[in-house]
C-alpha cells in the first residue's frame, strides 16, 4: 500500500498544522528519511521526512494551507503502485458551516426581531477570540458571507506598543501565548525557591571543559544532568496530570527552553538520566542550533517530562516560570553571582545560584516539592557520583 504523508501532531492540544514549503514536487522520486516538506505546527517549524522509498504523489495541500493534524497530505508510491484517492483535507467544521450557510432559513412570521449574530464557523470564532478580532469587521468568503478560518489567516495580531503601532505575530508566538495563558489559568501553581553555593558546580564545569571535546560544556548541561538524577529519585515530579489522574512519565526527558526569533520553543534531551555529560552537551548543542535555525524535527519536541529555563546569560538573578503543561514542574535559574555566604560561623564570599521550581499542585504537594528542591541543591553543592 502507498505510504501516507500525514500532518503530524506534536502535542496534545495541537489541532492544525500549516504547509510552509514543499521540498519535493509531485512525481519526484524520494528516499526514506529524505525531507519532503516544511511544516509549521503549534510548537515549531519542522521538516517532515519521507516515510518510505518511492515516488511522491497525491500532493493535495498547497503551500500556505493549514489543515487538521492527522490529515493525509500526500503519499509515497512504491514501484508498480497506483495513486489512491486522498481524503479531502478541508476541516469538517468548515464544510458544515458552509452547508448551513447555503441552506434556506425558515423564519416564523410573528417572531420578534433579534440582533443577528454574524455567521461564522466554530474554528473562525475561536481564532477571532484568540486574536481579539471583531467578526463584524471582517468580510466573509464563505457562502452567504459566512466567515471561515481562512478569512483570519494572514491577519496580524495586535500587540500595541507605546507608539500605538502593532507587531505582527507568527504562529509559534501566538500558540505560545495561548498555551501559557491556559497553563496559568488551569494549573494550580506554587513556587519554591532556594539559594545554593555553586562553587562545586563551577569546578565541575571547568574540569569538563578541559577534557577533549568538552570545550563548550555549559551550566545548562550540568543542570540537565543534575535534574535528570533528581527526577530519577523523585518520579512523582516526573509525572503529569491527565484526565483526573497522575500519569508517570515515560522516561526522564528534560526539555530546555530556547528563545528564537519566532518565539519560545522547548526541545527535549530524551532519557537524560541514561546519558553522560558529554552526550548531554552534544545533544543540547544539537537541539539549540536546530531550534534557532528552524530545523527541529517532530521527535525533538515530543515527550518532555520536565523543563529547565535558564536566564542567567541575560543577567537575571531569579524568576518564576510558568509550568509547561502537562508537565508537573519547571526549574527557573538565573546567573551565578558572588554573594556573602556563612560557612561554619564565618562570613565568606561564594558564587551563589538561585533555584526556583514551579510545581503543579495537582501532581506535587509542598512536601514532595521541597524534597525535590533539596535534592537539586545537594547535587549542585556536592555532585559526587555525577562527575565523570
Protein backbone atom coordinates (compact mmCIF):
# COMPACT_ATOMS: atom_id res chain seq x y z
CA UNK A 1 0.00 0.00 0.00
CA UNK A 2 1.14 3.60 -0.55
CA UNK A 3 2.92 5.14 2.44
CA UNK A 4 0.94 8.12 3.72
CA UNK A 5 2.47 11.52 4.45
CA UNK A 6 0.48 12.84 7.42
CA UNK A 7 0.28 16.24 9.08
CA UNK A 8 1.96 15.47 12.42
CA UNK A 9 0.66 16.15 15.92
CA UNK A 10 3.45 17.33 18.23
CA UNK A 11 1.31 17.98 21.28
CA UNK A 12 -1.93 17.01 22.93
CA UNK A 13 -3.54 20.40 22.31
CA UNK A 14 -2.46 20.80 18.69
CA UNK A 15 -5.31 20.88 16.20
CA UNK A 16 -3.77 22.00 12.91
CA UNK A 17 -0.50 22.46 11.03
CA UNK A 18 0.45 24.62 8.07
CA UNK A 19 2.38 23.53 4.98
CA UNK A 20 5.10 26.15 4.54
CA UNK A 21 7.12 24.72 1.64
CA UNK A 22 7.28 21.53 -0.39
CA UNK A 23 10.90 20.41 -0.78
CA UNK A 24 9.91 17.72 -3.29
CA UNK A 25 7.35 18.00 -6.08
CA UNK A 26 4.60 15.64 -7.12
CA UNK A 27 6.10 12.87 -9.25
CA UNK A 28 9.66 13.19 -7.94
CA UNK A 29 11.50 10.13 -6.57
CA UNK A 30 12.20 10.22 -2.83
CA UNK A 31 14.22 8.14 -0.38
CA UNK A 32 13.06 7.11 3.08
CA UNK A 33 14.15 9.74 5.61
CA UNK A 34 14.64 12.44 2.96
CA UNK A 35 12.97 15.81 3.80
CA UNK A 36 9.72 16.24 1.86
CA UNK A 37 8.30 19.49 3.17
CA UNK A 38 8.45 22.12 5.89
CA UNK A 39 5.50 22.32 8.26
CA UNK A 40 4.65 25.00 10.81
CA UNK A 41 2.92 23.43 13.82
CA UNK A 42 1.69 24.90 17.06
CA UNK A 43 5.18 24.42 18.52
CA UNK A 44 7.85 24.78 15.87
CA UNK A 45 8.69 24.69 12.20
CA UNK A 46 9.85 21.19 11.29
CA UNK A 47 10.86 19.16 8.29
CA UNK A 48 8.70 16.12 7.52
CA UNK A 49 10.63 13.17 6.13
CA UNK A 50 9.61 10.62 3.54
CA UNK A 51 8.09 7.54 5.23
CA UNK A 52 9.38 5.18 2.51
CA UNK A 53 11.32 4.91 -0.74
CA UNK A 54 9.31 5.61 -3.87
CA UNK A 55 7.63 8.44 -5.77
CA UNK A 56 5.88 11.40 -4.16
CA UNK A 57 2.29 11.57 -5.39
CA UNK A 58 -1.13 12.90 -4.49
CA UNK A 59 0.09 16.26 -3.16
CA UNK A 60 -3.19 17.91 -2.25
CA UNK A 61 -2.25 20.65 0.19
CA UNK A 62 -0.64 23.74 -1.38
CA UNK A 63 1.94 25.86 0.42
CA UNK A 64 0.47 28.22 2.98
CA UNK A 65 -2.52 25.96 3.70
CA UNK A 66 -3.47 24.94 7.24
CA UNK A 67 -5.07 21.51 7.76
CA UNK A 68 -6.04 19.37 10.77
CA UNK A 69 -3.44 17.07 12.27
CA UNK A 70 -3.74 13.52 11.01
CA UNK A 71 -4.69 14.69 7.52
CA UNK A 72 -3.11 12.75 4.67
CA UNK A 73 -1.39 15.47 2.63
CA UNK A 74 0.39 13.20 0.11
CA UNK A 75 1.52 9.62 -0.41
CA UNK A 76 4.71 7.85 -1.44
CA UNK A 77 4.12 5.19 -4.08
CA UNK A 78 6.32 2.13 -4.36
CA UNK A 79 7.19 0.77 -7.79
CA UNK A 80 4.09 -0.52 -9.54
CA UNK A 81 1.62 1.14 -7.14
CA UNK A 82 -1.17 3.42 -8.35
CA UNK A 83 -2.42 6.59 -6.73
CA UNK A 84 -5.41 6.11 -4.44
CA UNK A 85 -7.84 8.95 -3.67
CA UNK A 86 -6.72 11.07 -0.70
CA UNK A 87 -9.38 12.25 1.76
CA UNK A 88 -10.40 15.85 1.40
CA UNK A 89 -8.23 17.81 3.87
CA UNK A 90 -10.78 20.58 4.33
CA UNK A 91 -11.79 20.74 8.02
CA UNK A 92 -15.13 19.11 8.69
CA UNK A 93 -16.45 22.04 10.70
CA UNK A 94 -15.66 24.41 7.83
CA UNK A 95 -17.69 22.23 5.44
CA UNK A 96 -20.57 22.04 7.88
CA UNK A 97 -20.81 25.77 8.38
CA UNK A 98 -20.72 26.33 4.62
CA UNK A 99 -23.56 23.83 4.22
CA UNK A 100 -25.56 25.62 6.90
CA UNK A 101 -24.84 28.97 5.31
CA UNK A 102 -26.09 27.71 1.93
CA UNK A 103 -29.35 26.29 3.31
CA UNK A 104 -32.56 28.37 3.33
CA UNK A 105 -33.50 29.74 6.74
CA UNK A 106 -37.10 29.50 7.90
CA UNK A 107 -38.29 32.48 9.98
CA UNK A 108 -41.52 32.48 11.96
CA UNK A 109 -43.88 35.20 10.73
CA UNK A 110 -44.64 36.54 14.21
CA UNK A 111 -41.19 36.00 15.74
CA UNK A 112 -39.77 39.13 17.38
CA UNK A 113 -36.74 40.58 15.63
CA UNK A 114 -33.45 39.68 17.34
CA UNK A 115 -29.95 41.02 16.81
CA UNK A 116 -28.33 38.97 14.05
CA UNK A 117 -25.23 37.05 15.06
CA UNK A 118 -22.52 37.12 12.42
CA UNK A 119 -22.41 33.77 10.63
CA UNK A 120 -19.03 32.12 11.23
CA UNK A 121 -17.57 28.67 11.63
CA UNK A 122 -16.61 27.45 15.13
CA UNK A 123 -12.92 27.50 14.21
CA UNK A 124 -13.17 31.05 12.88
CA UNK A 125 -14.81 32.14 16.16
CA UNK A 126 -12.01 30.54 18.18
CA UNK A 127 -9.34 32.24 16.08
CA UNK A 128 -11.11 35.59 16.30
CA UNK A 129 -11.41 35.33 20.08
CA UNK A 130 -7.75 34.36 20.46
CA UNK A 131 -6.59 37.26 18.27
CA UNK A 132 -9.02 39.84 19.61
CA UNK A 133 -10.70 40.33 16.23
CA UNK A 134 -14.28 41.63 15.93
CA UNK A 135 -16.07 39.36 13.45
CA UNK A 136 -18.33 42.22 12.39
CA UNK A 137 -15.30 44.00 10.93
CA UNK A 138 -14.47 41.13 8.55
CA UNK A 139 -15.78 40.25 5.12
CA UNK A 140 -16.59 36.56 5.00
CA UNK A 141 -15.59 34.47 1.99
CA UNK A 142 -17.97 31.60 2.77
CA UNK A 143 -21.48 31.13 1.37
CA UNK A 144 -23.84 33.98 2.25
CA UNK A 145 -20.87 35.92 3.64
CA UNK A 146 -20.03 33.37 6.34
CA UNK A 147 -16.64 33.89 7.97
CA UNK A 148 -14.39 30.85 7.78
CA UNK A 149 -10.91 30.23 9.17
CA UNK A 150 -9.11 31.33 6.01
CA UNK A 151 -10.58 34.83 6.43
CA UNK A 152 -8.48 35.24 9.56
CA UNK A 153 -5.29 33.79 8.12
CA UNK A 154 -2.67 36.41 7.47
CA UNK A 155 -4.25 38.91 9.82
CA UNK A 156 -1.67 40.34 12.15
CA UNK A 157 -2.41 40.04 15.82
CA UNK A 158 -2.50 43.41 17.52
CA UNK A 159 0.27 43.93 20.02
CA UNK A 160 0.15 47.65 20.76
CA UNK A 161 3.32 49.41 21.87
CA UNK A 162 3.89 52.90 23.26
CA UNK A 163 3.70 54.39 19.79
CA UNK A 164 0.39 52.73 19.01
CA UNK A 165 1.92 50.54 16.32
CA UNK A 166 1.18 46.81 16.14
CA UNK A 167 3.67 43.99 15.73
CA UNK A 168 3.00 41.01 13.50
CA UNK A 169 2.87 37.77 15.49
CA UNK A 170 3.66 34.38 13.94
CA UNK A 171 2.06 31.05 14.68
CA UNK A 172 4.73 29.89 17.13
CA UNK A 173 4.44 33.09 19.22
CA UNK A 174 0.64 33.08 19.11
CA UNK A 175 0.41 29.46 20.22
CA UNK A 176 3.00 30.09 22.94
CA UNK A 177 0.82 32.93 24.21
CA UNK A 178 -2.31 30.80 24.13
CA UNK A 179 -0.66 27.85 25.90
CA UNK A 180 0.98 29.88 28.64
CA UNK A 181 -2.34 31.62 29.23
CA UNK A 182 -4.13 28.28 29.57
CA UNK A 183 -1.40 26.89 31.81
CA UNK A 184 -1.50 29.94 34.07
CA UNK A 185 -5.29 29.77 34.30
CA UNK A 186 -5.71 25.99 34.59
CA UNK A 187 -2.65 24.79 36.52
CA UNK A 188 -2.64 25.49 40.31
CA UNK A 189 0.93 26.78 40.58
CA UNK A 190 3.07 27.01 43.66
CA UNK A 191 6.70 28.06 43.82
CA UNK A 192 9.68 27.02 45.94
CA UNK A 193 12.95 28.92 45.88
CA UNK A 194 16.41 28.39 47.34
CA UNK A 195 19.91 29.85 47.01
CA UNK A 196 22.75 27.34 46.63
CA UNK A 197 26.53 27.51 46.79
CA UNK A 198 27.65 26.99 43.17
CA UNK A 199 31.37 26.57 43.90
CA UNK A 200 31.42 22.86 43.03
CA UNK A 201 29.25 23.47 40.00
CA UNK A 202 31.83 25.89 38.65
CA UNK A 203 34.69 23.48 39.37
CA UNK A 204 32.81 20.68 37.62
CA UNK A 205 32.27 22.85 34.54
CA UNK A 206 35.93 23.89 34.37
CA UNK A 207 37.04 20.25 34.67
CA UNK A 208 34.63 19.18 31.93
CA UNK A 209 35.87 21.92 29.61
CA UNK A 210 39.46 20.77 29.95
CA UNK A 211 38.58 17.31 28.65
CA UNK A 212 38.77 16.50 24.91
CA UNK A 213 35.62 17.74 23.19
CA UNK A 214 34.29 19.41 26.35
CA UNK A 215 35.20 22.99 25.49
CA UNK A 216 31.57 24.06 25.04
CA UNK A 217 30.14 22.47 28.18
CA UNK A 218 27.67 24.91 29.75
CA UNK A 219 26.00 25.32 33.11
CA UNK A 220 22.77 24.23 31.41
CA UNK A 221 24.39 20.89 30.54
CA UNK A 222 25.28 20.36 34.19
CA UNK A 223 21.77 21.31 35.26
CA UNK A 224 20.26 18.80 32.81
CA UNK A 225 22.43 16.07 34.33
CA UNK A 226 21.53 17.12 37.87
CA UNK A 227 17.79 17.46 37.16
CA UNK A 228 17.73 14.05 35.47
CA UNK A 229 19.22 12.44 38.57
CA UNK A 230 16.82 14.31 40.86
CA UNK A 231 13.85 13.23 38.71
CA UNK A 232 15.04 9.63 38.84
CA UNK A 233 14.99 9.85 42.65
CA UNK A 234 11.63 11.67 42.71
CA UNK A 235 9.47 10.09 39.99
CA UNK A 236 6.36 11.97 41.19
CA UNK A 237 7.85 15.20 39.83
CA UNK A 238 8.41 13.41 36.52
CA UNK A 239 4.67 12.72 36.17
CA UNK A 240 1.75 14.72 34.76
CA UNK A 241 -1.93 15.39 35.43
CA UNK A 242 -4.18 13.91 32.75
CA UNK A 243 -7.95 13.41 32.91
CA UNK A 244 -8.13 13.43 36.68
CA UNK A 245 -5.19 11.08 37.29
CA UNK A 246 -1.43 11.27 37.87
CA UNK A 247 0.35 9.63 34.94
CA UNK A 248 4.05 8.67 35.32
CA UNK A 249 6.42 9.97 32.68
CA UNK A 250 7.72 7.56 30.04
CA UNK A 251 11.41 8.17 30.65
CA UNK A 252 13.26 11.10 32.17
CA UNK A 253 13.11 13.59 29.29
CA UNK A 254 14.44 17.01 30.21
CA UNK A 255 13.33 19.89 27.98
CA UNK A 256 15.29 23.13 27.58
CA UNK A 257 13.51 26.43 26.95
CA UNK A 258 15.12 28.11 23.91
CA UNK A 259 14.35 31.65 22.74
CA UNK A 260 14.11 32.05 18.96
CA UNK A 261 13.04 34.89 16.67
CA UNK A 262 9.69 33.13 16.19
CA UNK A 263 9.03 32.56 19.90
CA UNK A 264 9.89 30.21 22.75
CA UNK A 265 10.41 26.55 21.83
CA UNK A 266 11.21 23.66 24.15
CA UNK A 267 13.28 20.87 22.56
CA UNK A 268 14.00 17.75 24.61
CA UNK A 269 17.01 15.77 25.82
CA UNK A 270 15.43 12.31 25.88
CA UNK A 271 16.39 9.76 28.54
CA UNK A 272 18.76 12.27 30.10
CA UNK A 273 19.24 10.05 33.17
CA UNK A 274 20.99 7.48 30.98
CA UNK A 275 23.41 9.93 29.29
CA UNK A 276 26.83 11.05 30.46
CA UNK A 277 27.76 14.74 30.46
CA UNK A 278 29.46 14.78 27.01
CA UNK A 279 26.38 13.18 25.43
CA UNK A 280 24.08 15.68 27.15
CA UNK A 281 26.24 18.59 25.99
CA UNK A 282 26.29 17.31 22.42
CA UNK A 283 22.52 16.83 22.41
CA UNK A 284 21.95 20.29 23.91
CA UNK A 285 24.07 21.93 21.22
CA UNK A 286 22.28 19.97 18.50
CA UNK A 287 18.74 20.90 19.53
CA UNK A 288 19.54 24.53 20.39
CA UNK A 289 21.18 25.07 17.00
CA UNK A 290 18.28 23.32 15.26
CA UNK A 291 15.74 25.42 17.17
CA UNK A 292 17.39 28.71 16.22
CA UNK A 293 17.77 27.62 12.60
CA UNK A 294 14.14 26.40 12.41
CA UNK A 295 15.22 22.81 11.70
CA UNK A 296 13.75 20.94 14.65
CA UNK A 297 12.27 17.54 13.85
CA UNK A 298 8.98 16.30 15.35
CA UNK A 299 10.83 13.94 17.72
CA UNK A 300 12.92 16.84 19.04
CA UNK A 301 9.96 18.48 20.76
CA UNK A 302 7.95 15.47 21.88
CA UNK A 303 7.87 13.63 25.21
CA UNK A 304 9.31 16.22 27.60
CA UNK A 305 8.61 15.44 31.27
CA UNK A 306 10.39 18.39 32.94
CA UNK A 307 11.69 21.77 31.73
CA UNK A 308 14.70 23.95 32.55
CA UNK A 309 14.56 27.69 31.81
CA UNK A 310 17.90 29.44 32.31
CA UNK A 311 18.07 33.25 32.01
CA UNK A 312 21.44 33.64 33.69
CA UNK A 313 23.06 34.72 30.40
CA UNK A 314 20.77 37.78 30.43
CA UNK A 315 21.88 38.95 33.87
CA UNK A 316 18.71 37.77 35.62
CA UNK A 317 19.15 36.83 39.30
CA UNK A 318 15.90 34.88 39.76
CA UNK A 319 12.42 34.49 38.30
CA UNK A 320 9.32 32.29 38.42
CA UNK A 321 8.45 30.29 35.31
CA UNK A 322 5.04 29.06 34.15
CA UNK A 323 4.64 25.28 34.20
CA UNK A 324 4.96 23.76 30.73
CA UNK A 325 1.73 21.74 30.90
CA UNK A 326 1.10 18.82 31.02
CA UNK A 327 4.46 18.57 32.81
CA UNK A 328 4.33 18.92 36.59
CA UNK A 329 7.32 21.20 37.18
CA UNK A 330 9.79 23.65 35.65
CA UNK A 331 13.13 24.88 37.04
CA UNK A 332 13.98 28.58 36.63
CA UNK A 333 17.60 29.63 37.16
CA UNK A 334 19.38 32.95 36.92
CA UNK A 335 23.01 34.00 36.88
CA UNK A 336 25.71 32.84 39.28
CA UNK A 337 26.86 35.85 41.28
CA UNK A 338 29.26 36.28 44.20
CA UNK A 339 27.49 36.98 47.49
CA UNK A 340 28.26 36.88 51.22
CA UNK A 341 27.82 33.30 52.50
CA UNK A 342 28.01 31.94 56.04
CA UNK A 343 30.30 28.91 56.47
CA UNK A 344 30.85 27.41 59.95
CA UNK A 345 30.02 30.70 61.60
CA UNK A 346 32.28 32.75 59.36
CA UNK A 347 31.26 35.11 56.57
CA UNK A 348 32.86 34.34 53.20
CA UNK A 349 32.17 35.21 49.57
CA UNK A 350 30.84 32.38 47.41
CA UNK A 351 29.30 32.05 43.91
CA UNK A 352 25.55 31.72 44.54
CA UNK A 353 22.83 30.40 42.24
CA UNK A 354 19.12 30.83 42.84
CA UNK A 355 16.84 27.88 42.06
CA UNK A 356 13.10 28.44 41.72
CA UNK A 357 10.87 25.49 40.87
CA UNK A 358 7.25 25.95 39.79
CA UNK A 359 5.01 22.96 40.52
CA UNK A 360 1.56 21.75 39.51
CA UNK A 361 -0.13 21.23 42.89
CA UNK A 362 -2.39 18.53 41.43
CA UNK A 363 0.67 16.31 41.00
CA UNK A 364 3.16 17.53 43.59
CA UNK A 365 2.35 18.82 47.08
CA UNK A 366 4.53 21.17 49.11
CA UNK A 367 6.42 18.46 50.97
CA UNK A 368 7.29 16.49 47.83
CA UNK A 369 8.29 19.69 46.07
CA UNK A 370 10.56 20.68 48.96
CA UNK A 371 12.21 17.24 48.91
CA UNK A 372 12.86 17.55 45.19
CA UNK A 373 14.35 21.02 45.57
CA UNK A 374 16.52 19.79 48.44
CA UNK A 375 17.89 17.03 46.20
CA UNK A 376 18.66 19.57 43.47
CA UNK A 377 20.51 21.74 45.98
CA UNK A 378 22.50 18.80 47.35
CA UNK A 379 23.54 17.65 43.88
CA UNK A 380 24.67 21.16 42.92
CA UNK A 381 26.65 21.72 46.11
CA UNK A 382 28.08 18.19 46.14
CA UNK A 383 27.78 16.47 42.75
CA UNK A 384 29.79 13.41 43.78
CA UNK A 385 28.81 10.47 41.61
CA UNK A 386 27.69 12.65 38.72
CA UNK A 387 31.14 13.99 37.85
CA UNK A 388 32.82 11.83 35.24
